[in-house]
Amino acid sequence: MEIPKKITPPYWAVIFSSKKRNNDPEFTKVSDYLDEIVVKQEGYLGHETVGQDPSITISYWKDMESIKKWRNHPDHHAAIERSRKEWFEYYNIKIAEVKGGHYWEHR
């Protein structure tokens, strides 16, 4: 996904770093499905991912309430449980409020 460029603060960032313990193709299917449905969630502003394994994904949200709703979305919740049992060696989540920032692009 393209890096979100012009999000006006304040907003919230969820920083998800992880390392998988295997390369199960089912993980990619579930991850792609979650990418399809997260864009429809109220308060979702975008996300960006760097690295393959380990990787870091930062998702951007309008507010904490939107983050909580996504965390409790039934399909997302099921994927979290399955990831713990089958796919991840570890993951780490940090949530931060972004109060400022700027964007520059060479044209």
PDB file of N, CA and C in Angstrom:
ATOM      1  N   MET A   1       0.843  -1.178   0.000  1.00  0.00           N
ATOM      2  CA  MET A   1       0.000   0.000   0.000  1.00  0.00           C
ATOM      3  C   MET A   1       0.882   1.233   0.000  1.00  0.00           C
ATOM      4  N   GLU A   2       0.437   2.272  -0.668  1.00  0.00           N
ATOM      5  CA  GLU A   2       1.179   3.524  -0.714  1.00  0.00           C
ATOM      6  C   GLU A   2       1.190   4.189   0.659  1.00  0.00           C
ATOM      7  N   ILE A   3       2.293   4.816   0.963  1.00  0.00           N
ATOM      8  CA  ILE A   3       2.420   5.506   2.239  1.00  0.00           C
ATOM      9  C   ILE A   3       1.446   6.680   2.273  1.00  0.00           C
ATOM     10  N   PRO A   4       0.629   6.767   3.318  1.00  0.00           N
ATOM     11  CA  PRO A   4      -0.277   7.914   3.442  1.00  0.00           C
ATOM     12  C   PRO A   4       0.533   9.206   3.545  1.00  0.00           C
ATOM     13  N   LYS A   5       0.222  10.184   2.700  1.00  0.00           N
ATOM     14  CA  LYS A   5       1.057  11.375   2.613  1.00  0.00           C
ATOM     15  C   LYS A   5       0.551  12.542   3.440  1.00  0.00           C
ATOM     16  N   LYS A   6      -0.685  12.867   3.292  1.00  0.00           N
ATOM     17  CA  LYS A   6      -1.163  14.117   3.888  1.00  0.00           C
ATOM     18  C   LYS A   6      -2.285  13.850   4.879  1.00  0.00           C
ATOM     19  N   ILE A   7      -1.915  13.377   6.033  1.00  0.00           N
ATOM     20  CA  ILE A   7      -2.875  13.185   7.112  1.00  0.00           C
ATOM     21  C   ILE A   7      -2.652  14.341   8.084  1.00  0.00           C
ATOM     22  N   THR A   8      -3.682  15.077   8.363  1.00  0.00           N
ATOM     23  CA  THR A   8      -3.563  16.242   9.229  1.00  0.00           C
ATOM     24  C   THR A   8      -3.690  15.839  10.699  1.00  0.00           C
ATOM     25  N   PRO A   9      -2.663  16.129  11.505  1.00  0.00           N
ATOM     26  CA  PRO A   9      -2.750  15.845  12.933  1.00  0.00           C
ATOM     27  C   PRO A   9      -3.838  16.681  13.591  1.00  0.00           C
ATOM     28  N   PRO A  10      -4.357  16.246  14.714  1.00  0.00           N
ATOM     29  CA  PRO A  10      -3.945  15.042  15.438  1.00  0.00           C
ATOM     30  C   PRO A  10      -4.621  13.786  14.898  1.00  0.00           C
ATOM     31  N   TYR A  11      -3.914  12.671  15.038  1.00  0.00           N
ATOM     32  CA  TYR A  11      -4.439  11.351  14.714  1.00  0.00           C
ATOM     33  C   TYR A  11      -3.645  10.341  15.534  1.00  0.00           C
ATOM     34  N   TRP A  12      -3.994   9.093  15.411  1.00  0.00           N
ATOM     35  CA  TRP A  12      -3.355   8.040  16.193  1.00  0.00           C
ATOM     36  C   TRP A  12      -2.629   7.072  15.274  1.00  0.00           C
ATOM     37  N   ALA A  13      -1.501   6.536  15.754  1.00  0.00           N
ATOM     38  CA  ALA A  13      -0.724   5.548  15.011  1.00  0.00           C
ATOM     39  C   ALA A  13      -0.618   4.269  15.838  1.00  0.00           C
ATOM     40  N   VAL A  14      -0.863   3.145  15.186  1.00  0.00           N
ATOM     41  CA  VAL A  14      -0.654   1.836  15.799  1.00  0.00           C
ATOM     42  C   VAL A  14       0.575   1.241  15.123  1.00  0.00           C
ATOM     43  N   ILE A  15       1.619   1.003  15.896  1.00  0.00           N
ATOM     44  CA  ILE A  15       2.882   0.489  15.384  1.00  0.00           C
ATOM     45  C   ILE A  15       2.950  -0.991  15.740  1.00  0.00           C
ATOM     46  N   PHE A  16       2.921  -1.821  14.705  1.00  0.00           N
ATOM     47  CA  PHE A  16       2.861  -3.274  14.883  1.00  0.00           C
ATOM     48  C   PHE A  16       4.138  -3.881  14.311  1.00  0.00           C
ATOM     49  N   SER A  17       5.017  -4.367  15.176  1.00  0.00           N
ATOM     50  CA  SER A  17       6.227  -5.052  14.715  1.00  0.00           C
ATOM     51  C   SER A  17       6.068  -6.539  15.004  1.00  0.00           C
ATOM     52  N   SER A  18       6.538  -7.362  14.054  1.00  0.00           N
ATOM     53  CA  SER A  18       6.314  -8.803  14.207  1.00  0.00           C
ATOM     54  C   SER A  18       7.381  -9.614  13.489  1.00  0.00           C
ATOM     55  N   LYS A  19       7.477 -10.866  13.916  1.00  0.00           N
ATOM     56  CA  LYS A  19       8.307 -11.864  13.241  1.00  0.00           C
ATOM     57  C   LYS A  19       7.506 -13.146  13.180  1.00  0.00           C
ATOM     58  N   LYS A  20       7.394 -13.690  11.965  1.00  0.00           N
ATOM     59  CA  LYS A  20       6.663 -14.943  11.789  1.00  0.00           C
ATOM     60  C   LYS A  20       7.584 -16.121  12.089  1.00  0.00           C
ATOM     61  N   ARG A  21       6.978 -17.227  12.458  1.00  0.00           N
ATOM     62  CA  ARG A  21       7.770 -18.438  12.705  1.00  0.00           C
ATOM     63  C   ARG A  21       7.738 -19.397  11.531  1.00  0.00           C
ATOM     64  N   ASN A  22       6.904 -19.094  10.523  1.00  0.00           N
ATOM     65  CA  ASN A  22       6.841 -19.943   9.331  1.00  0.00           C
ATOM     66  C   ASN A  22       6.338 -19.123   8.152  1.00  0.00           C
ATOM     67  N   ASN A  23       6.331 -19.721   6.982  1.00  0.00           N
ATOM     68  CA  ASN A  23       5.872 -19.048   5.768  1.00  0.00           C
ATOM     69  C   ASN A  23       4.596 -19.686   5.235  1.00  0.00           C
ATOM     70  N   ASP A  24       3.663 -19.961   6.087  1.00  0.00           N
ATOM     71  CA  ASP A  24       2.387 -20.559   5.712  1.00  0.00           C
ATOM     72  C   ASP A  24       1.654 -19.635   4.734  1.00  0.00           C
ATOM     73  N   PRO A  25       1.325 -20.120   3.524  1.00  0.00           N
ATOM     74  CA  PRO A  25       0.619 -19.281   2.552  1.00  0.00           C
ATOM     75  C   PRO A  25      -0.754 -18.819   3.042  1.00  0.00           C
ATOM     76  N   GLU A  26      -1.322 -19.517   3.989  1.00  0.00           N
ATOM     77  CA  GLU A  26      -2.618 -19.122   4.539  1.00  0.00           C
ATOM     78  C   GLU A  26      -2.510 -17.768   5.254  1.00  0.00           C
ATOM     79  N   PHE A  27      -1.349 -17.488   5.831  1.00  0.00           N
ATOM     80  CA  PHE A  27      -1.148 -16.191   6.476  1.00  0.00           C
ATOM     81  C   PHE A  27      -1.333 -15.059   5.473  1.00  0.00           C
ATOM     82  N   THR A  28      -0.763 -15.209   4.281  1.00  0.00           N
ATOM     83  CA  THR A  28      -0.885 -14.178   3.247  1.00  0.00           C
ATOM     84  C   THR A  28      -2.335 -13.976   2.846  1.00  0.00           C
ATOM     85  N   LYS A  29      -3.089 -15.054   2.731  1.00  0.00           N
ATOM     86  CA  LYS A  29      -4.514 -14.941   2.389  1.00  0.00           C
ATOM     87  C   LYS A  29      -5.271 -14.151   3.452  1.00  0.00           C
ATOM     88  N   VAL A  30      -5.031 -14.481   4.704  1.00  0.00           N
ATOM     89  CA  VAL A  30      -5.719 -13.793   5.801  1.00  0.00           C
ATOM     90  C   VAL A  30      -5.288 -12.327   5.849  1.00  0.00           C
ATOM     91  N   SER A  31      -4.004 -12.070   5.693  1.00  0.00           N
ATOM     92  CA  SER A  31      -3.492 -10.703   5.716  1.00  0.00           C
ATOM     93  C   SER A  31      -4.084  -9.865   4.579  1.00  0.00           C
ATOM     94  N   ASP A  32      -4.151 -10.444   3.388  1.00  0.00           N
ATOM     95  CA  ASP A  32      -4.745  -9.736   2.247  1.00  0.00           C
ATOM     96  C   ASP A  32      -6.220  -9.437   2.493  1.00  0.00           C
ATOM     97  N   TYR A  33      -6.923 -10.380   3.088  1.00  0.00           N
ATOM     98  CA  TYR A  33      -8.339 -10.170   3.409  1.00  0.00           C
ATOM     99  C   TYR A  33      -8.499  -9.024   4.413  1.00  0.00           C
ATOM    100  N   LEU A  34      -7.655  -9.008   5.445  1.00  0.00           N
ATOM    101  CA  LEU A  34      -7.732  -7.931   6.432  1.00  0.00           C
ATOM    102  C   LEU A  34      -7.436  -6.575   5.790  1.00  0.00           C
ATOM    103  N   ASP A  35      -6.482  -6.550   4.846  1.00  0.00           N
ATOM    104  CA  ASP A  35      -6.198  -5.306   4.122  1.00  0.00           C
ATOM    105  C   ASP A  35      -7.430  -4.810   3.365  1.00  0.00           C
ATOM    106  N   GLU A  36      -8.222  -5.733   2.848  1.00  0.00           N
ATOM    107  CA  GLU A  36      -9.438  -5.360   2.114  1.00  0.00           C
ATOM    108  C   GLU A  36     -10.503  -4.781   3.035  1.00  0.00           C
ATOM    109  N   ILE A  37     -10.646  -5.344   4.220  1.00  0.00           N
ATOM    110  CA  ILE A  37     -11.737  -4.882   5.087  1.00  0.00           C
ATOM    111  C   ILE A  37     -11.352  -3.704   5.976  1.00  0.00           C
ATOM    112  N   VAL A  38     -10.073  -3.550   6.286  1.00  0.00           N
ATOM    113  CA  VAL A  38      -9.688  -2.442   7.170  1.00  0.00           C
ATOM    114  C   VAL A  38      -9.973  -1.093   6.518  1.00  0.00           C
ATOM    115  N   VAL A  39      -9.850  -1.014   5.198  1.00  0.00           N
ATOM    116  CA  VAL A  39     -10.077   0.272   4.526  1.00  0.00           C
ATOM    117  C   VAL A  39     -11.526   0.741   4.647  1.00  0.00           C
ATOM    118  N   LYS A  40     -12.419  -0.166   5.005  1.00  0.00           N
ATOM    119  CA  LYS A  40     -13.837   0.169   5.158  1.00  0.00           C
ATOM    120  C   LYS A  40     -14.188   0.566   6.592  1.00  0.00           C
ATOM    121  N   GLN A  41     -13.220   0.489   7.488  1.00  0.00           N
ATOM    122  CA  GLN A  41     -13.493   0.766   8.894  1.00  0.00           C
ATOM    123  C   GLN A  41     -13.548   2.270   9.150  1.00  0.00           C
ATOM    124  N   GLU A  42     -14.543   2.673   9.910  1.00  0.00           N
ATOM    125  CA  GLU A  42     -14.673   4.081  10.275  1.00  0.00           C
ATOM    126  C   GLU A  42     -13.430   4.529  11.041  1.00  0.00           C
ATOM    127  N   GLY A  43     -12.878   5.652  10.652  1.00  0.00           N
ATOM    128  CA  GLY A  43     -11.719   6.204  11.336  1.00  0.00           C
ATOM    129  C   GLY A  43     -10.380   5.741  10.803  1.00  0.00           C
ATOM    130  N   TYR A  44     -10.370   4.795   9.856  1.00  0.00           N
ATOM    131  CA  TYR A  44      -9.115   4.310   9.272  1.00  0.00           C
ATOM    132  C   TYR A  44      -8.588   5.350   8.291  1.00  0.00           C
ATOM    133  N   LEU A  45      -7.297   5.696   8.402  1.00  0.00           N
ATOM    134  CA  LEU A  45      -6.702   6.720   7.548  1.00  0.00           C
ATOM    135  C   LEU A  45      -5.663   6.174   6.577  1.00  0.00           C
ATOM    136  N   GLY A  46      -5.157   4.972   6.812  1.00  0.00           N
ATOM    137  CA  GLY A  46      -4.147   4.381   5.935  1.00  0.00           C
ATOM    138  C   GLY A  46      -3.132   3.583   6.736  1.00  0.00           C
ATOM    139  N   HIS A  47      -2.227   2.917   6.007  1.00  0.00           N
ATOM    140  CA  HIS A  47      -1.140   2.213   6.684  1.00  0.00           C
ATOM    141  C   HIS A  47       0.043   2.048   5.745  1.00  0.00           C
ATOM    142  N   GLU A  48       1.173   1.714   6.329  1.00  0.00           N
ATOM    143  CA  GLU A  48       2.390   1.447   5.575  1.00  0.00           C
ATOM    144  C   GLU A  48       3.146   0.323   6.274  1.00  0.00           C
ATOM    145  N   THR A  49       3.841  -0.493   5.477  1.00  0.00           N
ATOM    146  CA  THR A  49       4.598  -1.622   6.006  1.00  0.00           C
ATOM    147  C   THR A  49       6.014  -1.577   5.454  1.00  0.00           C
ATOM    148  N   VAL A  50       6.987  -1.851   6.302  1.00  0.00           N
ATOM    149  CA  VAL A  50       8.373  -1.982   5.870  1.00  0.00           C
ATOM    150  C   VAL A  50       8.912  -3.315   6.370  1.00  0.00           C
ATOM    151  N   GLY A  51       9.787  -3.910   5.558  1.00  0.00           N
ATOM    152  CA  GLY A  51      10.386  -5.186   5.916  1.00  0.00           C
ATOM    153  C   GLY A  51       9.471  -6.348   5.596  1.00  0.00           C
ATOM    154  N   GLN A  52      10.071  -7.530   5.596  1.00  0.00           N
ATOM    155  CA  GLN A  52       9.286  -8.735   5.337  1.00  0.00           C
ATOM    156  C   GLN A  52       9.224  -9.632   6.555  1.00  0.00           C
ATOM    157  N   ASP A  53      10.348  -9.878   7.170  1.00  0.00           N
ATOM    158  CA  ASP A  53      10.325 -10.708   8.361  1.00  0.00           C
ATOM    159  C   ASP A  53      11.646 -10.567   9.106  1.00  0.00           C
ATOM    160  N   PRO A  54      11.722  -9.761  10.119  1.00  0.00           N
ATOM    161  CA  PRO A  54      10.609  -9.078  10.766  1.00  0.00           C
ATOM    162  C   PRO A  54      10.088  -7.905   9.932  1.00  0.00           C
ATOM    163  N   SER A  55       8.902  -7.447  10.304  1.00  0.00           N
ATOM    164  CA  SER A  55       8.288  -6.324   9.607  1.00  0.00           C
ATOM    165  C   SER A  55       7.681  -5.355  10.613  1.00  0.00           C
ATOM    166  N   ILE A  56       7.446  -4.144  10.130  1.00  0.00           N
ATOM    167  CA  ILE A  56       6.771  -3.126  10.932  1.00  0.00           C
ATOM    168  C   ILE A  56       5.657  -2.540  10.079  1.00  0.00           C
ATOM    169  N   THR A  57       4.449  -2.555  10.613  1.00  0.00           N
ATOM    170  CA  THR A  57       3.307  -1.915   9.966  1.00  0.00           C
ATOM    171  C   THR A  57       2.818  -0.806  10.880  1.00  0.00           C
ATOM    172  N   ILE A  58       2.639   0.366  10.300  1.00  0.00           N
ATOM    173  CA  ILE A  58       2.066   1.487  11.043  1.00  0.00           C
ATOM    174  C   ILE A  58       0.724   1.806  10.408  1.00  0.00           C
ATOM    175  N   SER A  59      -0.329   1.705  11.197  1.00  0.00           N
ATOM    176  CA  SER A  59      -1.651   2.098  10.704  1.00  0.00           C
ATOM    177  C   SER A  59      -2.047   3.400  11.384  1.00  0.00           C
ATOM    178  N   TYR A  60      -2.809   4.192  10.653  1.00  0.00           N
ATOM    179  CA  TYR A  60      -3.185   5.526  11.112  1.00  0.00           C
ATOM    180  C   TYR A  60      -4.689   5.597  11.290  1.00  0.00           C
ATOM    181  N   TRP A  61      -5.109   6.211  12.402  1.00  0.00           N
ATOM    182  CA  TRP A  61      -6.516   6.220  12.793  1.00  0.00           C
ATOM    183  C   TRP A  61      -6.935   7.595  13.285  1.00  0.00           C
ATOM    184  N   LYS A  62      -8.198   7.895  13.092  1.00  0.00           N
ATOM    185  CA  LYS A  62      -8.767   9.175  13.518  1.00  0.00           C
ATOM    186  C   LYS A  62      -8.743   9.324  15.034  1.00  0.00           C
ATOM    187  N   ASP A  63      -9.039   8.235  15.751  1.00  0.00           N
ATOM    188  CA  ASP A  63      -9.153   8.318  17.206  1.00  0.00           C
ATOM    189  C   ASP A  63      -9.008   6.928  17.827  1.00  0.00           C
ATOM    190  N   MET A  64      -8.899   6.909  19.154  1.00  0.00           N
ATOM    191  CA  MET A  64      -8.749   5.641  19.879  1.00  0.00           C
ATOM    192  C   MET A  64      -9.979   4.757  19.736  1.00  0.00           C
ATOM    193  N   GLU A  65     -11.140   5.353  19.674  1.00  0.00           N
ATOM    194  CA  GLU A  65     -12.371   4.570  19.522  1.00  0.00           C
ATOM    195  C   GLU A  65     -12.331   3.741  18.238  1.00  0.00           C
ATOM    196  N   SER A  66     -11.833   4.319  17.154  1.00  0.00           N
ATOM    197  CA  SER A  66     -11.714   3.590  15.888  1.00  0.00           C
ATOM    198  C   SER A  66     -10.740   2.423  16.014  1.00  0.00           C
ATOM    199  N   ILE A  67      -9.647   2.641  16.727  1.00  0.00           N
ATOM    200  CA  ILE A  67      -8.668   1.572  16.955  1.00  0.00           C
ATOM    201  C   ILE A  67      -9.311   0.438  17.742  1.00  0.00           C
ATOM    202  N   LYS A  68     -10.049   0.767  18.778  1.00  0.00           N
ATOM    203  CA  LYS A  68     -10.704  -0.258  19.599  1.00  0.00           C
ATOM    204  C   LYS A  68     -11.727  -1.051  18.789  1.00  0.00           C
ATOM    205  N   LYS A  69     -12.473  -0.359  17.936  1.00  0.00           N
ATOM    206  CA  LYS A  69     -13.461  -1.058  17.105  1.00  0.00           C
ATOM    207  C   LYS A  69     -12.775  -2.033  16.153  1.00  0.00           C
ATOM    208  N   TRP A  70     -11.652  -1.616  15.559  1.00  0.00           N
ATOM    209  CA  TRP A  70     -10.922  -2.519  14.670  1.00  0.00           C
ATOM    210  C   TRP A  70     -10.350  -3.694  15.465  1.00  0.00           C
ATOM    211  N   ARG A  71      -9.818  -3.428  16.630  1.00  0.00           N
ATOM    212  CA  ARG A  71      -9.258  -4.496  17.468  1.00  0.00           C
ATOM    213  C   ARG A  71     -10.313  -5.557  17.768  1.00  0.00           C
ATOM    214  N   ASN A  72     -11.555  -5.113  17.943  1.00  0.00           N
ATOM    215  CA  ASN A  72     -12.632  -6.036  18.290  1.00  0.00           C
ATOM    216  C   ASN A  72     -13.454  -6.512  17.098  1.00  0.00           C
ATOM    217  N   HIS A  73     -13.095  -6.100  15.894  1.00  0.00           N
ATOM    218  CA  HIS A  73     -13.803  -6.585  14.705  1.00  0.00           C
ATOM    219  C   HIS A  73     -13.683  -8.114  14.680  1.00  0.00           C
ATOM    220  N   PRO A  74     -14.779  -8.836  14.464  1.00  0.00           N
ATOM    221  CA  PRO A  74     -14.740 -10.308  14.562  1.00  0.00           C
ATOM    222  C   PRO A  74     -13.682 -10.967  13.674  1.00  0.00           C
ATOM    223  N   ASP A  75     -13.538 -10.518  12.440  1.00  0.00           N
ATOM    224  CA  ASP A  75     -12.547 -11.134  11.547  1.00  0.00           C
ATOM    225  C   ASP A  75     -11.123 -10.800  11.981  1.00  0.00           C
ATOM    226  N   HIS A  76     -10.908  -9.576  12.424  1.00  0.00           N
ATOM    227  CA  HIS A  76      -9.587  -9.190  12.903  1.00  0.00           C
ATOM    228  C   HIS A  76      -9.246  -9.947  14.188  1.00  0.00           C
ATOM    229  N   HIS A  77     -10.212 -10.035  15.078  1.00  0.00           N
ATOM    230  CA  HIS A  77     -10.000 -10.752  16.339  1.00  0.00           C
ATOM    231  C   HIS A  77      -9.659 -12.230  16.083  1.00  0.00           C
ATOM    232  N   ALA A  78     -10.368 -12.859  15.152  1.00  0.00           N
ATOM    233  CA  ALA A  78     -10.086 -14.262  14.804  1.00  0.00           C
ATOM    234  C   ALA A  78      -8.680 -14.404  14.228  1.00  0.00           C
ATOM    235  N   ALA A  79      -8.269 -13.441  13.408  1.00  0.00           N
ATOM    236  CA  ALA A  79      -6.926 -13.486  12.824  1.00  0.00           C
ATOM    237  C   ALA A  79      -5.857 -13.333  13.906  1.00  0.00           C
ATOM    238  N   ILE A  80      -6.117 -12.496  14.890  1.00  0.00           N
ATOM    239  CA  ILE A  80      -5.169 -12.329  16.000  1.00  0.00           C
ATOM    240  C   ILE A  80      -4.986 -13.653  16.736  1.00  0.00           C
ATOM    241  N   GLU A  81      -6.079 -14.291  17.063  1.00  0.00           N
ATOM    242  CA  GLU A  81      -6.005 -15.569  17.779  1.00  0.00           C
ATOM    243  C   GLU A  81      -5.268 -16.624  16.953  1.00  0.00           C
ATOM    244  N   ARG A  82      -5.591 -16.682  15.678  1.00  0.00           N
ATOM    245  CA  ARG A  82      -4.936 -17.667  14.810  1.00  0.00           C
ATOM    246  C   ARG A  82      -3.444 -17.359  14.671  1.00  0.00           C
ATOM    247  N   SER A  83      -3.102 -16.080  14.570  1.00  0.00           N
ATOM    248  CA  SER A  83      -1.696 -15.681  14.449  1.00  0.00           C
ATOM    249  C   SER A  83      -0.881 -16.114  15.656  1.00  0.00           C
ATOM    250  N   ARG A  84      -1.468 -15.999  16.826  1.00  0.00           N
ATOM    251  CA  ARG A  84      -0.761 -16.412  18.043  1.00  0.00           C
ATOM    252  C   ARG A  84      -0.493 -17.912  18.040  1.00  0.00           C
ATOM    253  N   LYS A  85      -1.460 -18.677  17.565  1.00  0.00           N
ATOM    254  CA  LYS A  85      -1.339 -20.137  17.577  1.00  0.00           C
ATOM    255  C   LYS A  85      -0.474 -20.674  16.443  1.00  0.00           C
ATOM    256  N   GLU A  86      -0.561 -20.048  15.261  1.00  0.00           N
ATOM    257  CA  GLU A  86       0.020 -20.658  14.068  1.00  0.00           C
ATOM    258  C   GLU A  86       1.176 -19.903  13.418  1.00  0.00           C
ATOM    259  N   TRP A  87       1.209 -18.577  13.483  1.00  0.00           N
ATOM    260  CA  TRP A  87       2.100 -17.854  12.581  1.00  0.00           C
ATOM    261  C   TRP A  87       3.200 -17.032  13.220  1.00  0.00           C
ATOM    262  N   PHE A  88       2.925 -16.352  14.311  1.00  0.00           N
ATOM    263  CA  PHE A  88       3.908 -15.405  14.825  1.00  0.00           C
ATOM    264  C   PHE A  88       4.823 -16.008  15.876  1.00  0.00           C
ATOM    265  N   GLU A  89       6.110 -15.683  15.741  1.00  0.00           N
ATOM    266  CA  GLU A  89       7.062 -15.958  16.807  1.00  0.00           C
ATOM    267  C   GLU A  89       6.856 -14.910  17.904  1.00  0.00           C
ATOM    268  N   TYR A  90       6.665 -13.672  17.479  1.00  0.00           N
ATOM    269  CA  TYR A  90       6.326 -12.597  18.411  1.00  0.00           C
ATOM    270  C   TYR A  90       5.670 -11.458  17.646  1.00  0.00           C
ATOM    271  N   TYR A  91       4.969 -10.619  18.382  1.00  0.00           N
ATOM    272  CA  TYR A  91       4.576  -9.314  17.864  1.00  0.00           C
ATOM    273  C   TYR A  91       4.542  -8.324  19.008  1.00  0.00           C
ATOM    274  N   ASN A  92       4.662  -7.057  18.653  1.00  0.00           N
ATOM    275  CA  ASN A  92       4.694  -5.977  19.632  1.00  0.00           C
ATOM    276  C   ASN A  92       3.844  -4.836  19.083  1.00  0.00           C
ATOM    277  N   ILE A  93       2.953  -4.304  19.895  1.00  0.00           N
ATOM    278  CA  ILE A  93       2.071  -3.223  19.459  1.00  0.00           C
ATOM    279  C   ILE A  93       2.297  -2.008  20.348  1.00  0.00           C
ATOM    280  N   LYS A  94       2.479  -0.866  19.703  1.00  0.00           N
ATOM    281  CA  LYS A  94       2.569   0.409  20.411  1.00  0.00           C
ATOM    282  C   LYS A  94       1.534   1.337  19.797  1.00  0.00           C
ATOM    283  N   ILE A  95       0.887   2.139  20.617  1.00  0.00           N
ATOM    284  CA  ILE A  95      -0.115   3.087  20.142  1.00  0.00           C
ATOM    285  C   ILE A  95       0.325   4.480  20.577  1.00  0.00           C
ATOM    286  N   ALA A  96       0.321   5.413  19.618  1.00  0.00           N
ATOM    287  CA  ALA A  96       0.782   6.767  19.913  1.00  0.00           C
ATOM    288  C   ALA A  96      -0.144   7.799  19.287  1.00  0.00           C
ATOM    289  N   GLU A  97      -0.321   8.888  19.985  1.00  0.00           N
ATOM    290  CA  GLU A  97      -1.058  10.015  19.409  1.00  0.00           C
ATOM    291  C   GLU A  97      -0.061  10.899  18.660  1.00  0.00           C
ATOM    292  N   VAL A  98      -0.362  11.187  17.419  1.00  0.00           N
ATOM    293  CA  VAL A  98       0.481  12.055  16.596  1.00  0.00           C
ATOM    294  C   VAL A  98      -0.103  13.462  16.684  1.00  0.00           C
ATOM    295  N   LYS A  99       0.662  14.361  17.250  1.00  0.00           N
ATOM    296  CA  LYS A  99       0.168  15.723  17.461  1.00  0.00           C
ATOM    297  C   LYS A  99       0.690  16.707  16.428  1.00  0.00           C
ATOM    298  N   GLY A 100       1.687  16.297  15.676  1.00  0.00           N
ATOM    299  CA  GLY A 100       2.244  17.184  14.661  1.00  0.00           C
ATOM    300  C   GLY A 100       3.051  16.400  13.652  1.00  0.00           C
ATOM    301  N   GLY A 101       3.409  17.050  12.580  1.00  0.00           N
ATOM    302  CA  GLY A 101       4.218  16.426  11.547  1.00  0.00           C
ATOM    303  C   GLY A 101       4.214  17.294  10.306  1.00  0.00           C
ATOM    304  N   HIS A 102       5.013  16.908   9.330  1.00  0.00           N
ATOM    305  CA  HIS A 102       5.006  17.623   8.060  1.00  0.00           C
ATOM    306  C   HIS A 102       5.344  16.656   6.940  1.00  0.00           C
ATOM    307  N   TYR A 103       5.046  17.063   5.730  1.00  0.00           N
ATOM    308  CA  TYR A 103       5.284  16.239   4.549  1.00  0.00           C
ATOM    309  C   TYR A 103       5.988  17.093   3.508  1.00  0.00           C
ATOM    310  N   TRP A 104       6.984  16.517   2.849  1.00  0.00           N
ATOM    311  CA  TRP A 104       7.677  17.185   1.759  1.00  0.00           C
ATOM    312  C   TRP A 104       7.852  16.195   0.629  1.00  0.00           C
ATOM    313  N   GLU A 105       7.752  16.662  -0.578  1.00  0.00           N
ATOM    314  CA  GLU A 105       7.943  15.792  -1.742  1.00  0.00           C
ATOM    315  C   GLU A 105       8.651  16.579  -2.834  1.00  0.00           C
ATOM    316  N   HIS A 106       9.683  15.991  -3.418  1.00  0.00           N
ATOM    317  CA  HIS A 106      10.383  16.603  -4.551  1.00  0.00           C
ATOM    318  C   HIS A 106       9.529  16.450  -5.798  1.00  0.00           C
ATOM    319  N   ARG A 107       9.308  17.515  -6.499  1.00  0.00           N
ATOM    320  CA  ARG A 107       8.504  17.448  -7.741  1.00  0.00           C
ATOM    321  C   ARG A 107       9.297  17.951  -8.904  1.00  0.00           C
TER     322      ARG A 107
END
